[in-house]
N, C-alpha and C. Protein backbone atom coordinates (compact mmCIF):
# COMPACT_ATOMS: atom_id res chain seq x y z
N MET A 1 48.41 8.38 84.92
CA MET A 1 49.13 7.11 84.92
C MET A 1 48.23 6.01 84.35
N ILE A 2 46.95 6.00 84.76
CA ILE A 2 46.03 4.98 84.26
C ILE A 2 45.88 5.10 82.75
N ALA A 3 45.73 6.34 82.27
CA ALA A 3 45.59 6.54 80.82
C ALA A 3 46.83 6.08 80.08
N VAL A 4 47.99 6.34 80.67
CA VAL A 4 49.24 5.91 80.03
C VAL A 4 49.29 4.40 79.95
N LEU A 5 48.91 3.73 81.03
CA LEU A 5 48.94 2.27 81.03
C LEU A 5 47.96 1.70 80.01
N LYS A 6 46.78 2.29 79.89
CA LYS A 6 45.81 1.82 78.91
C LYS A 6 46.32 2.04 77.49
N THR A 7 46.98 3.16 77.28
CA THR A 7 47.54 3.44 75.96
C THR A 7 48.58 2.41 75.59
N PHE A 8 49.42 2.03 76.56
CA PHE A 8 50.43 1.01 76.29
C PHE A 8 49.76 -0.26 75.79
N ALA A 9 48.69 -0.67 76.43
CA ALA A 9 48.01 -1.92 76.06
C ALA A 9 47.43 -1.83 74.66
N LEU A 10 46.88 -0.68 74.30
CA LEU A 10 46.28 -0.53 72.99
C LEU A 10 47.31 -0.33 71.89
N ALA A 11 48.41 0.30 72.22
CA ALA A 11 49.39 0.66 71.19
C ALA A 11 50.42 -0.42 70.93
N ALA A 12 50.58 -1.37 71.83
CA ALA A 12 51.64 -2.37 71.67
C ALA A 12 51.54 -3.13 70.35
N PRO A 13 50.36 -3.65 69.96
CA PRO A 13 50.31 -4.36 68.68
C PRO A 13 50.68 -3.47 67.49
N ALA A 14 50.24 -2.23 67.51
CA ALA A 14 50.57 -1.32 66.41
C ALA A 14 52.07 -1.04 66.37
N ALA A 15 52.67 -0.92 67.53
CA ALA A 15 54.11 -0.66 67.58
C ALA A 15 54.89 -1.84 67.02
N LEU A 16 54.44 -3.04 67.31
CA LEU A 16 55.13 -4.22 66.78
C LEU A 16 55.02 -4.26 65.27
N LEU A 17 53.86 -3.92 64.73
CA LEU A 17 53.70 -3.89 63.28
C LEU A 17 54.58 -2.82 62.65
N ALA A 18 54.70 -1.69 63.33
CA ALA A 18 55.52 -0.61 62.78
C ALA A 18 56.99 -1.00 62.73
N LEU A 19 57.42 -1.84 63.66
CA LEU A 19 58.82 -2.26 63.67
C LEU A 19 59.10 -3.39 62.70
N ALA A 20 58.06 -4.15 62.34
CA ALA A 20 58.24 -5.24 61.39
C ALA A 20 58.35 -4.64 60.00
N SER A 21 59.52 -4.75 59.39
CA SER A 21 59.72 -4.15 58.09
C SER A 21 60.66 -5.01 57.26
N PRO A 22 60.66 -4.82 55.96
CA PRO A 22 61.53 -5.60 55.09
C PRO A 22 63.00 -5.37 55.42
N ALA A 23 63.83 -6.28 54.96
CA ALA A 23 65.27 -6.20 55.23
C ALA A 23 65.86 -4.90 54.69
N GLY A 24 65.29 -4.37 53.64
CA GLY A 24 65.80 -3.13 53.07
C GLY A 24 65.57 -1.92 53.94
N ALA A 25 64.80 -2.06 55.00
CA ALA A 25 64.49 -0.93 55.86
C ALA A 25 65.72 -0.38 56.57
N GLN A 26 66.78 -1.17 56.66
CA GLN A 26 67.99 -0.66 57.29
C GLN A 26 68.59 0.50 56.49
N ASP A 27 68.16 0.66 55.25
CA ASP A 27 68.64 1.76 54.42
C ASP A 27 67.89 3.06 54.69
N MET A 28 66.90 3.01 55.56
CA MET A 28 66.12 4.21 55.84
C MET A 28 67.00 5.21 56.59
N PRO A 29 66.79 6.50 56.34
CA PRO A 29 67.64 7.52 56.95
C PRO A 29 67.19 7.94 58.35
N TYR A 30 66.71 7.01 59.14
CA TYR A 30 66.30 7.33 60.51
C TYR A 30 66.41 6.11 61.40
N THR A 31 66.39 6.38 62.70
CA THR A 31 66.32 5.34 63.72
C THR A 31 65.07 5.62 64.55
N PRO A 32 64.23 4.60 64.79
CA PRO A 32 63.06 4.83 65.63
C PRO A 32 63.49 5.26 67.04
N GLY A 33 62.85 6.29 67.55
CA GLY A 33 63.19 6.82 68.86
C GLY A 33 62.11 6.57 69.89
N THR A 34 61.93 7.52 70.78
CA THR A 34 60.99 7.37 71.88
C THR A 34 59.55 7.59 71.40
N TYR A 35 58.62 7.10 72.22
CA TYR A 35 57.19 7.31 72.00
C TYR A 35 56.76 8.58 72.71
N TRP A 36 55.79 9.27 72.13
CA TRP A 36 55.23 10.48 72.72
C TRP A 36 53.71 10.32 72.75
N GLU A 37 53.15 10.24 73.95
CA GLU A 37 51.70 10.23 74.10
C GLU A 37 51.25 11.67 74.33
N VAL A 38 50.30 12.12 73.51
CA VAL A 38 49.84 13.50 73.57
C VAL A 38 48.34 13.49 73.86
N ALA A 39 47.96 14.03 75.02
CA ALA A 39 46.55 14.15 75.38
C ALA A 39 46.11 15.58 75.08
N SER A 40 44.99 15.73 74.37
CA SER A 40 44.45 17.04 74.01
C SER A 40 43.37 17.41 75.02
N ILE A 41 43.56 18.53 75.71
CA ILE A 41 42.69 18.92 76.81
C ILE A 41 42.01 20.25 76.51
N ASP A 42 40.69 20.28 76.65
CA ASP A 42 39.93 21.52 76.56
C ASP A 42 39.55 21.90 77.99
N VAL A 43 40.06 23.03 78.47
CA VAL A 43 39.78 23.48 79.84
C VAL A 43 38.49 24.30 79.82
N GLU A 44 37.59 23.99 80.74
CA GLU A 44 36.32 24.70 80.82
C GLU A 44 36.57 26.17 81.19
N ASP A 45 35.73 27.05 80.66
CA ASP A 45 35.86 28.48 80.95
C ASP A 45 35.85 28.72 82.45
N GLY A 46 36.81 29.52 82.90
CA GLY A 46 36.90 29.87 84.31
C GLY A 46 37.57 28.83 85.18
N MET A 47 37.93 27.69 84.62
CA MET A 47 38.53 26.62 85.42
C MET A 47 40.04 26.50 85.23
N GLU A 48 40.63 27.40 84.46
CA GLU A 48 42.06 27.32 84.19
C GLU A 48 42.90 27.28 85.46
N PRO A 49 42.68 28.19 86.44
CA PRO A 49 43.52 28.16 87.64
C PRO A 49 43.43 26.83 88.40
N GLN A 50 42.22 26.31 88.54
CA GLN A 50 42.05 25.05 89.26
C GLN A 50 42.71 23.89 88.53
N TYR A 51 42.57 23.85 87.21
CA TYR A 51 43.16 22.74 86.46
C TYR A 51 44.68 22.83 86.45
N ILE A 52 45.22 24.03 86.33
CA ILE A 52 46.68 24.19 86.39
C ILE A 52 47.18 23.81 87.78
N ASP A 53 46.41 24.11 88.82
CA ASP A 53 46.78 23.67 90.18
C ASP A 53 46.87 22.15 90.23
N PHE A 54 45.90 21.46 89.62
CA PHE A 54 45.94 19.99 89.58
C PHE A 54 47.19 19.51 88.85
N LEU A 55 47.46 20.11 87.68
CA LEU A 55 48.63 19.69 86.91
C LEU A 55 49.93 19.91 87.69
N ALA A 56 50.03 21.06 88.36
CA ALA A 56 51.24 21.38 89.12
C ALA A 56 51.37 20.53 90.38
N GLY A 57 50.27 19.96 90.83
CA GLY A 57 50.28 19.14 92.04
C GLY A 57 50.28 17.65 91.75
N GLN A 58 49.09 17.07 91.74
CA GLN A 58 48.96 15.61 91.62
C GLN A 58 49.49 15.07 90.30
N TRP A 59 49.18 15.73 89.19
CA TRP A 59 49.65 15.22 87.89
C TRP A 59 51.16 15.22 87.83
N ARG A 60 51.76 16.33 88.24
CA ARG A 60 53.23 16.42 88.24
C ARG A 60 53.84 15.37 89.17
N LYS A 61 53.23 15.17 90.33
CA LYS A 61 53.71 14.16 91.28
C LYS A 61 53.70 12.77 90.63
N SER A 62 52.63 12.44 89.93
CA SER A 62 52.54 11.13 89.29
C SER A 62 53.56 11.00 88.16
N GLN A 63 53.78 12.07 87.40
CA GLN A 63 54.76 12.03 86.32
C GLN A 63 56.18 11.90 86.88
N GLU A 64 56.48 12.63 87.94
CA GLU A 64 57.80 12.53 88.57
C GLU A 64 58.03 11.12 89.14
N PHE A 65 56.98 10.52 89.69
CA PHE A 65 57.08 9.15 90.18
C PHE A 65 57.43 8.21 89.03
N ALA A 66 56.68 8.31 87.93
CA ALA A 66 56.93 7.45 86.77
C ALA A 66 58.33 7.68 86.21
N LYS A 67 58.77 8.93 86.21
CA LYS A 67 60.11 9.25 85.71
C LYS A 67 61.18 8.66 86.63
N SER A 68 60.98 8.75 87.95
CA SER A 68 61.96 8.21 88.90
C SER A 68 62.09 6.70 88.79
N LYS A 69 61.03 6.04 88.37
CA LYS A 69 61.03 4.59 88.20
C LYS A 69 61.53 4.16 86.82
N GLY A 70 61.72 5.12 85.93
CA GLY A 70 62.19 4.81 84.59
C GLY A 70 61.08 4.40 83.63
N TYR A 71 59.81 4.58 84.03
CA TYR A 71 58.69 4.21 83.16
C TYR A 71 58.51 5.23 82.04
N ILE A 72 58.83 6.49 82.33
CA ILE A 72 58.79 7.54 81.32
C ILE A 72 60.13 8.27 81.34
N THR A 73 60.44 8.95 80.24
CA THR A 73 61.70 9.70 80.20
C THR A 73 61.49 11.19 80.43
N ASP A 74 60.29 11.70 80.10
CA ASP A 74 60.03 13.12 80.29
C ASP A 74 58.54 13.39 80.12
N TYR A 75 58.14 14.61 80.46
CA TYR A 75 56.75 15.04 80.29
C TYR A 75 56.73 16.54 80.09
N HIS A 76 55.67 17.02 79.45
CA HIS A 76 55.55 18.45 79.14
C HIS A 76 54.08 18.85 79.20
N VAL A 77 53.83 20.10 79.54
CA VAL A 77 52.52 20.72 79.41
C VAL A 77 52.69 21.84 78.40
N LEU A 78 51.96 21.76 77.30
CA LEU A 78 52.05 22.78 76.24
C LEU A 78 50.70 23.48 76.13
N THR A 79 50.75 24.80 75.99
CA THR A 79 49.52 25.56 75.80
C THR A 79 49.37 25.94 74.33
N ASN A 80 48.16 25.91 73.86
CA ASN A 80 47.85 26.30 72.48
C ASN A 80 47.69 27.82 72.47
N MET A 81 48.69 28.51 71.98
CA MET A 81 48.71 29.98 72.03
C MET A 81 47.69 30.63 71.09
N ASN A 82 47.37 29.98 70.00
CA ASN A 82 46.43 30.53 69.02
C ASN A 82 45.43 29.45 68.61
N PRO A 83 44.58 29.00 69.53
CA PRO A 83 43.67 27.91 69.17
C PRO A 83 42.61 28.36 68.16
N ARG A 84 42.42 27.52 67.16
CA ARG A 84 41.31 27.71 66.23
C ARG A 84 40.07 27.08 66.84
N ASP A 85 38.94 27.36 66.29
CA ASP A 85 37.68 26.84 66.81
C ASP A 85 37.75 25.32 66.92
N GLY A 86 37.46 24.80 68.09
CA GLY A 86 37.43 23.36 68.31
C GLY A 86 38.75 22.74 68.73
N GLU A 87 39.84 23.51 68.70
CA GLU A 87 41.14 22.96 69.11
C GLU A 87 41.29 22.99 70.63
N PRO A 88 42.10 22.08 71.17
CA PRO A 88 42.29 22.04 72.62
C PRO A 88 43.09 23.24 73.14
N ASP A 89 42.94 23.47 74.44
CA ASP A 89 43.69 24.53 75.11
C ASP A 89 45.09 24.07 75.50
N LEU A 90 45.19 22.82 75.94
CA LEU A 90 46.45 22.28 76.44
C LEU A 90 46.75 20.93 75.80
N TYR A 91 48.04 20.61 75.76
CA TYR A 91 48.50 19.28 75.37
C TYR A 91 49.37 18.76 76.50
N LEU A 92 49.03 17.59 77.01
CA LEU A 92 49.85 16.93 78.03
C LEU A 92 50.65 15.86 77.31
N VAL A 93 51.95 15.99 77.35
CA VAL A 93 52.84 15.12 76.57
C VAL A 93 53.67 14.27 77.53
N THR A 94 53.67 12.97 77.29
CA THR A 94 54.49 12.04 78.07
C THR A 94 55.37 11.27 77.11
N GLU A 95 56.67 11.26 77.39
CA GLU A 95 57.64 10.58 76.53
C GLU A 95 58.14 9.33 77.24
N PHE A 96 58.21 8.22 76.49
CA PHE A 96 58.69 6.97 77.07
C PHE A 96 59.40 6.15 76.01
N GLU A 97 60.26 5.24 76.47
CA GLU A 97 61.11 4.49 75.54
C GLU A 97 60.51 3.20 75.03
N ARG A 98 59.62 2.58 75.82
CA ARG A 98 59.15 1.26 75.41
C ARG A 98 57.73 1.01 75.90
N MET A 99 57.10 0.02 75.27
CA MET A 99 55.78 -0.45 75.69
C MET A 99 55.98 -1.57 76.72
N TYR A 100 55.04 -1.70 77.63
CA TYR A 100 55.11 -2.74 78.65
C TYR A 100 53.98 -3.75 78.45
N ASP A 101 54.25 -5.02 78.81
CA ASP A 101 53.20 -6.03 78.72
C ASP A 101 52.20 -5.83 79.86
N THR A 102 51.10 -6.55 79.80
CA THR A 102 50.01 -6.37 80.76
C THR A 102 50.46 -6.62 82.19
N ALA A 103 51.22 -7.67 82.43
CA ALA A 103 51.67 -7.98 83.79
C ALA A 103 52.49 -6.82 84.36
N GLU A 104 53.37 -6.26 83.55
CA GLU A 104 54.20 -5.14 84.03
C GLU A 104 53.35 -3.90 84.24
N GLN A 105 52.37 -3.66 83.38
CA GLN A 105 51.48 -2.51 83.56
C GLN A 105 50.74 -2.61 84.89
N LEU A 106 50.25 -3.81 85.20
CA LEU A 106 49.53 -4.01 86.46
C LEU A 106 50.45 -3.82 87.66
N ARG A 107 51.69 -4.28 87.55
CA ARG A 107 52.66 -4.10 88.64
C ARG A 107 52.92 -2.61 88.85
N GLN A 108 53.11 -1.88 87.76
CA GLN A 108 53.34 -0.44 87.85
C GLN A 108 52.13 0.27 88.44
N GLN A 109 50.93 -0.16 88.06
CA GLN A 109 49.71 0.44 88.59
C GLN A 109 49.63 0.25 90.11
N ARG A 110 49.97 -0.94 90.60
CA ARG A 110 49.96 -1.18 92.05
C ARG A 110 50.97 -0.28 92.76
N GLU A 111 52.14 -0.10 92.17
CA GLU A 111 53.14 0.81 92.76
C GLU A 111 52.60 2.23 92.82
N TYR A 112 51.97 2.65 91.75
CA TYR A 112 51.41 4.00 91.69
C TYR A 112 50.32 4.18 92.74
N GLU A 113 49.43 3.21 92.87
CA GLU A 113 48.37 3.29 93.87
C GLU A 113 48.95 3.38 95.27
N ALA A 114 50.00 2.60 95.54
CA ALA A 114 50.64 2.63 96.86
C ALA A 114 51.25 4.01 97.12
N MET A 115 51.92 4.57 96.12
CA MET A 115 52.53 5.89 96.27
C MET A 115 51.46 6.96 96.51
N MET A 116 50.34 6.86 95.79
CA MET A 116 49.27 7.85 95.92
C MET A 116 48.37 7.57 97.14
N LYS A 117 48.52 6.38 97.74
CA LYS A 117 47.71 5.97 98.89
C LYS A 117 46.21 5.97 98.55
N ARG A 118 45.91 5.48 97.32
CA ARG A 118 44.53 5.37 96.85
C ARG A 118 44.40 4.12 95.99
N THR A 119 43.17 3.62 95.89
CA THR A 119 42.90 2.48 95.02
C THR A 119 42.63 2.99 93.61
N GLU A 120 42.64 2.07 92.65
CA GLU A 120 42.33 2.46 91.27
C GLU A 120 40.93 3.06 91.20
N ARG A 121 40.00 2.49 91.94
CA ARG A 121 38.62 3.00 91.95
C ARG A 121 38.58 4.45 92.44
N GLN A 122 39.34 4.75 93.50
CA GLN A 122 39.38 6.11 94.02
C GLN A 122 40.01 7.07 93.00
N LEU A 123 41.10 6.63 92.39
CA LEU A 123 41.77 7.47 91.39
C LEU A 123 40.87 7.73 90.20
N MET A 124 40.12 6.73 89.77
CA MET A 124 39.20 6.91 88.64
C MET A 124 38.07 7.87 89.01
N GLY A 125 37.59 7.78 90.25
CA GLY A 125 36.57 8.71 90.72
C GLY A 125 37.06 10.15 90.70
N GLU A 126 38.31 10.34 91.13
CA GLU A 126 38.89 11.67 91.11
C GLU A 126 39.03 12.18 89.68
N SER A 127 39.40 11.29 88.77
CA SER A 127 39.52 11.67 87.36
C SER A 127 38.16 12.11 86.82
N GLY A 128 37.12 11.37 87.18
CA GLY A 128 35.78 11.73 86.74
C GLY A 128 35.35 13.09 87.28
N ALA A 129 35.72 13.37 88.53
CA ALA A 129 35.38 14.66 89.13
C ALA A 129 36.06 15.82 88.41
N ARG A 130 37.22 15.55 87.83
CA ARG A 130 37.92 16.62 87.09
C ARG A 130 37.21 16.96 85.79
N GLY A 131 36.20 16.18 85.42
CA GLY A 131 35.41 16.47 84.23
C GLY A 131 34.75 17.84 84.29
N LYS A 132 34.57 18.37 85.50
CA LYS A 132 34.01 19.71 85.66
C LYS A 132 35.01 20.78 85.24
N MET A 133 36.29 20.40 85.23
CA MET A 133 37.35 21.36 84.89
C MET A 133 37.80 21.26 83.45
N ARG A 134 37.71 20.05 82.88
CA ARG A 134 38.31 19.84 81.56
C ARG A 134 37.61 18.72 80.81
N THR A 135 37.86 18.69 79.50
CA THR A 135 37.38 17.61 78.64
C THR A 135 38.58 17.07 77.89
N LEU A 136 38.75 15.76 77.94
CA LEU A 136 39.79 15.11 77.14
C LEU A 136 39.24 14.98 75.73
N LYS A 137 39.81 15.74 74.80
CA LYS A 137 39.30 15.76 73.43
C LYS A 137 39.84 14.61 72.59
N GLY A 138 40.93 14.02 73.04
CA GLY A 138 41.52 12.91 72.30
C GLY A 138 42.97 12.73 72.70
N SER A 139 43.58 11.71 72.11
CA SER A 139 45.00 11.49 72.36
C SER A 139 45.63 10.89 71.12
N MET A 140 46.93 11.06 71.04
CA MET A 140 47.71 10.52 69.93
C MET A 140 48.92 9.80 70.52
N LEU A 141 49.36 8.78 69.83
CA LEU A 141 50.61 8.12 70.18
C LEU A 141 51.55 8.33 69.00
N LEU A 142 52.62 9.05 69.24
CA LEU A 142 53.58 9.39 68.20
C LEU A 142 54.90 8.70 68.50
N ARG A 143 55.74 8.55 67.49
CA ARG A 143 57.08 8.01 67.70
C ARG A 143 58.08 8.91 67.00
N GLU A 144 59.09 9.29 67.75
CA GLU A 144 60.14 10.14 67.20
C GLU A 144 60.99 9.36 66.22
N LEU A 145 61.38 10.00 65.15
CA LEU A 145 62.32 9.43 64.20
C LEU A 145 63.59 10.28 64.25
N THR A 146 64.70 9.65 64.64
CA THR A 146 65.98 10.35 64.68
C THR A 146 66.62 10.22 63.31
N LEU A 147 66.78 11.33 62.64
CA LEU A 147 67.28 11.32 61.27
C LEU A 147 68.79 11.11 61.23
N SER A 148 69.21 10.33 60.25
CA SER A 148 70.63 10.08 60.02
C SER A 148 71.13 11.02 58.94
N ALA A 149 72.42 11.29 58.98
CA ALA A 149 73.02 12.11 57.92
C ALA A 149 73.06 11.29 56.64
N ARG A 150 72.84 11.90 55.53
CA ARG A 150 72.88 11.24 54.21
C ARG A 150 74.02 11.76 53.42
């Protein structure tokens, strides 16, 4: 949840620029759709069961909370079936419809902390402890384009 909120803050200016387009853009054969945040995860050798337990437990709980509040529309865990050297093992995908301003992000963070019964400091400490299980190799923010018939 914290990573999602930070991504919103960083991506909002870029999203606004992407939407600013010439008047002729209405002729484009697509409609901008939802955002997809994709986290690339490398799971440490031998830690797969423990990390999957975390995803099935706390991570899923936080995603379901965000989904119930309407902050996200969906989420997925994808495994890389044929990873090449240096590629991540897992992709954690979160889909959402809009970016939120800072005040709303902070409000959502307080709700999340209350639901988890932990402070942001405690949650960040737990995230750091998971470093023994996995490495976040990077993240991408994508936007779906819904194609129109031509």
